[in-house]
Amino acid sequence: MAADPLDDYIDAVAKALALPVEEAWRPAVRANLEVSLRLARLVDEFALPDDIEPASVFTA
């Protein structure tokens, strides 16, 4: 059975950052990454016109 690309990514990033990821943490790490990727996909798919200008100053 092929390894899951998301699990491979978690392993590679943990290794690159020398960050230990205990087996008990993996489901939570994976769930967080899945949510982050889903939200990033929404932002990436939002079409913006080519002539859009960024706000010069953002205030809340």
N, C-alpha and C. Protein backbone atom coordinates (compact mmCIF):
# COMPACT_ATOMS: atom_id res chain seq x y z
N MET A 1 0.84 -1.18 0.00
CA MET A 1 0.00 0.00 0.00
C MET A 1 0.89 1.25 0.00
N ALA A 2 0.54 2.19 -0.82
CA ALA A 2 1.34 3.41 -0.93
C ALA A 2 1.16 4.29 0.30
N ALA A 3 2.22 4.97 0.67
CA ALA A 3 2.15 5.89 1.80
C ALA A 3 1.32 7.10 1.41
N ASP A 4 0.67 7.69 2.38
CA ASP A 4 -0.14 8.88 2.14
C ASP A 4 0.78 10.08 1.97
N PRO A 5 0.57 10.90 0.94
CA PRO A 5 1.45 12.06 0.72
C PRO A 5 1.46 13.03 1.91
N LEU A 6 0.34 13.16 2.59
CA LEU A 6 0.29 14.07 3.74
C LEU A 6 1.16 13.54 4.88
N ASP A 7 1.14 12.24 5.09
CA ASP A 7 2.00 11.65 6.12
C ASP A 7 3.48 11.80 5.73
N ASP A 8 3.76 11.63 4.45
CA ASP A 8 5.14 11.83 3.97
C ASP A 8 5.58 13.27 4.19
N TYR A 9 4.68 14.20 3.95
CA TYR A 9 4.98 15.63 4.15
C TYR A 9 5.26 15.92 5.63
N ILE A 10 4.42 15.38 6.49
CA ILE A 10 4.63 15.59 7.93
C ILE A 10 6.00 15.04 8.34
N ASP A 11 6.34 13.86 7.86
CA ASP A 11 7.65 13.27 8.18
C ASP A 11 8.79 14.13 7.66
N ALA A 12 8.67 14.61 6.41
CA ALA A 12 9.74 15.40 5.81
C ALA A 12 9.93 16.74 6.52
N VAL A 13 8.84 17.40 6.84
CA VAL A 13 8.94 18.69 7.53
C VAL A 13 9.49 18.52 8.94
N ALA A 14 9.02 17.50 9.62
CA ALA A 14 9.53 17.24 10.97
C ALA A 14 11.03 16.98 10.93
N LYS A 15 11.47 16.22 9.94
CA LYS A 15 12.90 15.93 9.81
C LYS A 15 13.68 17.20 9.46
N ALA A 16 13.17 18.00 8.52
CA ALA A 16 13.86 19.21 8.10
C ALA A 16 13.99 20.22 9.24
N LEU A 17 12.99 20.25 10.11
CA LEU A 17 13.02 21.19 11.24
C LEU A 17 13.60 20.57 12.50
N ALA A 18 14.01 19.31 12.41
CA ALA A 18 14.50 18.58 13.58
C ALA A 18 13.49 18.67 14.72
N LEU A 19 12.23 18.47 14.34
CA LEU A 19 11.11 18.59 15.27
C LEU A 19 10.53 17.20 15.54
N PRO A 20 10.68 16.71 16.74
CA PRO A 20 10.14 15.38 17.02
C PRO A 20 8.61 15.41 17.04
N VAL A 21 8.01 14.46 16.35
CA VAL A 21 6.55 14.33 16.35
C VAL A 21 6.23 12.95 16.88
N GLU A 22 5.73 12.90 18.09
CA GLU A 22 5.39 11.63 18.72
C GLU A 22 4.18 11.02 18.01
N GLU A 23 4.12 9.71 18.00
CA GLU A 23 3.01 9.00 17.33
C GLU A 23 1.65 9.45 17.87
N ALA A 24 1.58 9.74 19.16
CA ALA A 24 0.31 10.17 19.75
C ALA A 24 -0.13 11.52 19.20
N TRP A 25 0.79 12.34 18.73
CA TRP A 25 0.47 13.68 18.20
C TRP A 25 0.06 13.65 16.74
N ARG A 26 0.44 12.59 16.01
CA ARG A 26 0.25 12.57 14.55
C ARG A 26 -1.19 12.82 14.11
N PRO A 27 -2.21 12.24 14.76
CA PRO A 27 -3.58 12.53 14.31
C PRO A 27 -3.93 14.03 14.44
N ALA A 28 -3.48 14.66 15.50
CA ALA A 28 -3.77 16.09 15.68
C ALA A 28 -2.99 16.94 14.69
N VAL A 29 -1.73 16.58 14.45
CA VAL A 29 -0.91 17.30 13.48
C VAL A 29 -1.54 17.18 12.10
N ARG A 30 -1.94 15.98 11.75
CA ARG A 30 -2.57 15.73 10.45
C ARG A 30 -3.88 16.51 10.31
N ALA A 31 -4.72 16.48 11.34
CA ALA A 31 -6.00 17.19 11.31
C ALA A 31 -5.79 18.69 11.13
N ASN A 32 -4.82 19.25 11.86
CA ASN A 32 -4.52 20.67 11.74
C ASN A 32 -4.03 21.01 10.34
N LEU A 33 -3.18 20.17 9.79
CA LEU A 33 -2.66 20.41 8.45
C LEU A 33 -3.77 20.29 7.40
N GLU A 34 -4.66 19.34 7.56
CA GLU A 34 -5.79 19.20 6.63
C GLU A 34 -6.66 20.45 6.62
N VAL A 35 -6.96 20.99 7.81
CA VAL A 35 -7.76 22.21 7.90
C VAL A 35 -7.02 23.39 7.28
N SER A 36 -5.73 23.51 7.58
CA SER A 36 -4.93 24.60 7.02
C SER A 36 -4.90 24.54 5.49
N LEU A 37 -4.72 23.35 4.95
CA LEU A 37 -4.69 23.19 3.49
C LEU A 37 -6.05 23.47 2.86
N ARG A 38 -7.12 23.07 3.53
CA ARG A 38 -8.47 23.35 3.01
C ARG A 38 -8.73 24.86 2.98
N LEU A 39 -8.34 25.56 4.01
CA LEU A 39 -8.51 27.02 4.05
C LEU A 39 -7.62 27.71 3.02
N ALA A 40 -6.40 27.24 2.87
CA ALA A 40 -5.50 27.81 1.87
C ALA A 40 -6.06 27.62 0.47
N ARG A 41 -6.69 26.47 0.22
CA ARG A 41 -7.29 26.21 -1.09
C ARG A 41 -8.40 27.21 -1.38
N LEU A 42 -9.21 27.54 -0.36
CA LEU A 42 -10.27 28.53 -0.54
C LEU A 42 -9.69 29.89 -0.93
N VAL A 43 -8.63 30.30 -0.27
CA VAL A 43 -8.00 31.58 -0.58
C VAL A 43 -7.41 31.55 -1.99
N ASP A 44 -6.74 30.45 -2.32
CA ASP A 44 -6.10 30.32 -3.63
C ASP A 44 -7.12 30.33 -4.77
N GLU A 45 -8.29 29.75 -4.54
CA GLU A 45 -9.30 29.65 -5.59
C GLU A 45 -10.13 30.92 -5.75
N PHE A 46 -10.01 31.86 -4.83
CA PHE A 46 -10.79 33.09 -4.91
C PHE A 46 -10.21 33.98 -6.02
N ALA A 47 -11.00 34.18 -7.03
CA ALA A 47 -10.53 34.95 -8.19
C ALA A 47 -10.52 36.45 -7.88
N LEU A 48 -9.43 37.09 -8.23
CA LEU A 48 -9.32 38.54 -8.09
C LEU A 48 -9.10 39.13 -9.47
N PRO A 49 -9.72 40.28 -9.73
CA PRO A 49 -9.47 40.93 -11.01
C PRO A 49 -8.00 41.37 -11.12
N ASP A 50 -7.51 41.44 -12.35
CA ASP A 50 -6.11 41.83 -12.57
C ASP A 50 -5.83 43.27 -12.14
N ASP A 51 -6.85 44.12 -12.12
CA ASP A 51 -6.62 45.52 -11.80
C ASP A 51 -6.89 45.86 -10.33
N ILE A 52 -6.99 44.86 -9.48
CA ILE A 52 -7.25 45.09 -8.06
C ILE A 52 -6.02 45.73 -7.40
N GLU A 53 -6.24 46.63 -6.49
CA GLU A 53 -5.16 47.30 -5.76
C GLU A 53 -5.26 46.94 -4.28
N PRO A 54 -4.15 46.70 -3.64
CA PRO A 54 -4.19 46.43 -2.20
C PRO A 54 -4.50 47.70 -1.42
N ALA A 55 -5.10 47.52 -0.27
CA ALA A 55 -5.37 48.67 0.60
C ALA A 55 -4.04 49.23 1.10
N SER A 56 -3.92 50.54 1.11
CA SER A 56 -2.66 51.14 1.56
C SER A 56 -2.50 51.00 3.08
N VAL A 57 -3.59 51.11 3.82
CA VAL A 57 -3.55 50.97 5.27
C VAL A 57 -4.80 50.22 5.70
N PHE A 58 -4.61 49.19 6.49
CA PHE A 58 -5.76 48.44 7.00
C PHE A 58 -5.97 48.82 8.45
N THR A 59 -7.19 49.20 8.77
CA THR A 59 -7.54 49.47 10.16
C THR A 59 -8.81 48.71 10.49
N ALA A 60 -8.87 48.19 11.69
CA ALA A 60 -10.06 47.43 12.11
C ALA A 60 -10.94 48.28 12.96
